[in-house]
Protein backbone atom coordinates (compact mmCIF):
# COMPACT_ATOMS: atom_id res chain seq x y z
CA UNK A 1 48.95 13.78 83.68
CA UNK A 2 50.18 12.28 80.45
CA UNK A 3 51.51 14.46 77.66
CA UNK A 4 49.61 13.71 74.43
CA UNK A 5 52.73 13.97 72.33
CA UNK A 6 55.43 12.16 74.25
CA UNK A 7 53.21 10.04 76.50
CA UNK A 8 55.33 10.94 79.54
CA UNK A 9 53.76 11.65 82.93
CA UNK A 10 54.17 15.26 83.94
CA UNK A 11 52.93 17.51 86.76
CA UNK A 12 49.80 19.22 85.53
CA UNK A 13 51.44 22.63 86.32
CA UNK A 14 54.05 22.05 83.58
CA UNK A 15 51.45 21.29 80.87
CA UNK A 16 49.01 23.28 78.79
CA UNK A 17 45.48 22.30 77.77
CA UNK A 18 44.95 22.71 74.10
CA UNK A 19 41.66 23.65 72.32
CA UNK A 20 41.25 19.95 71.50
CA UNK A 21 41.51 19.14 75.24
CA UNK A 22 44.88 17.49 75.08
CA UNK A 23 47.67 18.10 77.62
CA UNK A 24 51.13 18.99 76.27
CA UNK A 25 54.31 19.17 78.31
CA UNK A 26 56.67 22.10 78.25
CA UNK A 27 59.41 19.98 76.58
CA UNK A 28 57.13 19.04 73.64
CA UNK A 29 55.85 22.61 73.27
CA UNK A 30 59.41 23.90 73.22
CA UNK A 31 60.50 21.26 70.69
CA UNK A 32 57.56 22.09 68.41
CA UNK A 33 58.27 25.84 68.58
CA UNK A 34 61.97 25.29 67.75
CA UNK A 35 61.00 23.13 64.72
CA UNK A 36 58.61 25.86 63.53
CA UNK A 37 61.37 28.46 63.82
CA UNK A 38 63.67 26.25 61.68
CA UNK A 39 61.15 25.12 59.08
CA UNK A 40 58.20 27.16 57.90
CA UNK A 41 56.46 24.07 56.53
CA UNK A 42 55.78 23.07 60.16
CA UNK A 43 54.19 26.41 61.04
CA UNK A 44 51.93 27.02 62.85
CA UNK A 45 52.40 24.54 65.71
CA UNK A 46 49.33 22.30 65.94
CA UNK A 47 47.63 19.59 67.93
CA UNK A 48 45.00 17.57 66.12
CA UNK A 49 45.11 20.08 63.30
CA UNK A 50 44.26 22.94 65.60
CA UNK A 51 46.68 25.86 65.77
CA UNK A 52 48.29 26.38 69.16
CA UNK A 53 47.84 30.01 70.09
CA UNK A 54 51.01 31.82 71.32
CA UNK A 55 49.20 33.01 74.46
CA UNK A 56 48.35 29.43 75.47
CA UNK A 57 51.85 28.15 74.99
CA UNK A 58 53.20 29.74 78.21
CA UNK A 59 56.74 29.81 76.89
CA UNK A 60 59.03 30.37 79.84
CA UNK A 61 62.15 30.95 77.74
CA UNK A 62 61.95 34.66 76.72
CA UNK A 63 64.51 34.24 74.00
CA UNK A 64 62.55 31.42 72.41
CA UNK A 65 59.36 33.49 72.69
CA UNK A 66 60.95 36.42 70.97
CA UNK A 67 62.43 34.29 68.17
CA UNK A 68 59.05 32.63 67.63
CA UNK A 69 57.26 35.96 67.47
CA UNK A 70 59.74 37.22 64.83
CA UNK A 71 59.07 34.08 62.81
CA UNK A 72 55.32 34.50 63.18
CA UNK A 73 55.59 38.02 61.60
CA UNK A 74 57.74 36.61 58.80
CA UNK A 75 55.56 33.56 58.13
CA UNK A 76 52.38 35.61 58.26
CA UNK A 77 53.72 37.94 55.55
CA UNK A 78 52.87 36.60 52.05
CA UNK A 79 56.09 35.19 50.51
CA UNK A 80 56.16 37.59 47.53
CA UNK A 81 55.95 40.56 49.94
CA UNK A 82 58.81 39.45 52.22
CA UNK A 83 61.97 41.51 52.25
CA UNK A 84 65.24 40.27 53.66
CA UNK A 85 68.34 42.35 54.41
CA UNK A 86 70.68 42.00 51.41
CA UNK A 87 73.70 41.91 53.77
CA UNK A 88 72.74 39.73 56.76
CA UNK A 89 69.50 38.02 55.50
CA UNK A 90 67.38 39.18 58.49
CA UNK A 91 63.62 39.45 57.72
CA UNK A 92 62.69 43.05 57.57
CA UNK A 93 59.14 43.24 58.92
CA UNK A 94 56.71 46.14 58.51
CA UNK A 95 57.93 47.50 61.85
CA UNK A 96 61.37 48.32 60.45
CA UNK A 97 62.14 51.88 59.37
CA UNK A 98 61.11 52.51 55.83
CA UNK A 99 61.85 55.33 53.43
CA UNK A 100 59.53 55.91 50.42
CA UNK A 101 60.09 58.93 48.19
CA UNK A 102 58.15 59.93 45.08
CA UNK A 103 59.05 61.96 41.94
CA UNK A 104 57.03 65.11 41.07
CA UNK A 105 54.81 63.01 38.74
CA UNK A 106 53.95 60.59 41.58
CA UNK A 107 56.17 57.67 40.57
CA UNK A 108 57.90 55.79 43.42
CA UNK A 109 61.61 56.57 43.23
CA UNK A 110 62.96 54.98 46.39
CA UNK A 111 61.44 52.34 48.70
CA UNK A 112 63.92 50.99 51.28
CA UNK A 113 64.00 49.31 54.67
CA UNK A 114 66.68 49.69 57.42
CA UNK A 115 68.02 46.51 59.02
CA UNK A 116 68.26 46.94 62.80
CA UNK A 117 70.87 44.14 62.91
CA UNK A 118 73.58 45.42 60.48
CA UNK A 119 72.25 48.96 59.77
CA UNK A 120 72.07 48.36 56.01
CA UNK A 121 69.33 49.76 53.77
CA UNK A 122 67.69 47.27 51.42
CA UNK A 123 65.60 48.18 48.39
CA UNK A 124 62.15 46.67 48.74
CA UNK A 125 61.61 46.36 44.99
CA UNK A 126 64.79 44.62 43.86
CA UNK A 127 65.89 43.18 47.28
CA UNK A 128 69.44 44.52 46.80
CA UNK A 129 71.40 47.27 48.48
CA UNK A 130 69.69 50.69 48.46
CA UNK A 131 70.48 52.74 45.36
CA UNK A 132 69.06 56.26 45.96
CA UNK A 133 68.25 58.10 42.75
CA UNK A 134 68.96 55.13 40.54
CA UNK A 135 66.41 52.66 39.17
CA UNK A 136 66.61 48.99 40.19
CA UNK A 137 68.86 47.07 37.88
CA UNK A 138 69.64 43.42 37.35
CA UNK A 139 73.12 42.63 38.59
CA UNK A 140 75.70 40.59 36.66
CA UNK A 141 75.18 37.83 39.27
CA UNK A 142 71.45 37.82 38.65
CA UNK A 143 71.99 37.40 34.89
CA UNK A 144 74.50 34.57 35.47
CA UNK A 145 72.13 32.85 37.93
CA UNK A 146 69.19 33.15 35.53
CA UNK A 147 71.26 31.66 32.79
CA UNK A 148 72.38 28.75 35.04
CA UNK A 149 68.81 28.20 36.11
CA UNK A 150 67.74 27.87 32.52
CA UNK A 151 70.65 25.62 31.51
CA UNK A 152 70.15 23.29 34.50
CA UNK A 153 66.35 23.18 33.99
CA UNK A 154 65.59 24.40 37.48
CA UNK A 155 62.24 25.69 38.27
CA UNK A 156 60.95 28.86 40.03
CA UNK A 157 58.25 28.68 42.75
CA UNK A 158 55.25 30.50 41.35
CA UNK A 159 54.55 32.12 44.72
CA UNK A 160 57.86 33.23 46.30
CA UNK A 161 60.09 33.00 43.21
CA UNK A 162 62.63 30.82 44.96
CA UNK A 163 64.60 28.63 42.60
CA UNK A 164 64.07 24.87 43.15
CA UNK A 165 66.05 21.95 41.93
CA UNK A 166 64.31 18.50 41.84
CA UNK A 167 66.73 15.69 42.79
CA UNK A 168 64.41 12.85 42.03
CA UNK A 169 60.90 11.63 42.45
CA UNK A 170 57.75 13.06 41.03
CA UNK A 171 56.93 16.59 39.79
CA UNK A 172 54.99 17.55 42.95
CA UNK A 173 57.10 20.21 44.69
CA UNK A 174 56.58 21.75 48.10
CA UNK A 175 58.52 24.98 48.43
CA UNK A 176 60.00 26.40 51.68
CA UNK A 177 57.10 28.98 51.52
CA UNK A 178 54.72 26.00 51.63
CA UNK A 179 53.46 26.56 48.05
CA UNK A 180 52.80 23.34 46.10
CA UNK A 181 53.51 23.36 42.47
CA UNK A 182 54.30 21.23 39.41
CA UNK A 183 58.04 21.11 38.69
CA UNK A 184 57.42 20.46 35.01
CA UNK A 185 55.34 23.54 34.28
CA UNK A 186 55.79 25.72 37.40
CA UNK A 187 52.07 26.18 38.00
CA UNK A 188 50.17 25.57 41.21
CA UNK A 189 49.78 21.88 41.87
CA UNK A 190 46.88 20.26 40.12
CA UNK A 191 46.31 23.23 37.82
CA UNK A 192 48.24 21.81 34.89
C-alpha cells in the first residue's frame, strides 16, 4: 500500500490506518513523533487535521514511545502551570513528588517538586530552587533580565510569560507554547 505522507509503497503490516482512512508508514509516523517531541507547535501529530491517537501509532521503539508520552504530559499541561527543574530543566509533571506545607492560619508556606533526574527540589511558585521557610524572592538575575527586557523592547507571552524578541516581520507572534499574540501590545492576537 502507499503511505499517504511519503507516497512510498510499504507492506500493509508496517502501516497504520488513521481515523481519516489514510495509511501511514512507520518511518513517517516516527518522523512526525520526533518532530512533535522537538517542537510543541507541531503537537499533536495529525493527518488531515485529525489527531493521531498514541494507541494507534504502534510505536515499536520503546524509548521514542516513552519520550513522546512525557511530552504529551508536558504539552497537555497549561503553559502557566508548567514547572521545570531549576537545575536540569526537566518538566516536573504532576506525578513527581510534591511537598506542600501550610502555616497555622492556612497560608501556603512551601510548595515544591522533586526532580527524579537530578534530585533537586524546585519551588512551584517562583520556579527557582526550594527555599523552605523563606518567601519567594526575585533574584538579582531576574531584576537584571527584567530591566534588559524593558530596555530592548522585548515582549512577554501573555499565556506562558516567556520573553520573545521579534527579529523582523509583522507583530503577529506565535510563542513556543502555541499562543498567538500581538508583539506591540502583548495581548492575544486580534484582541487589540
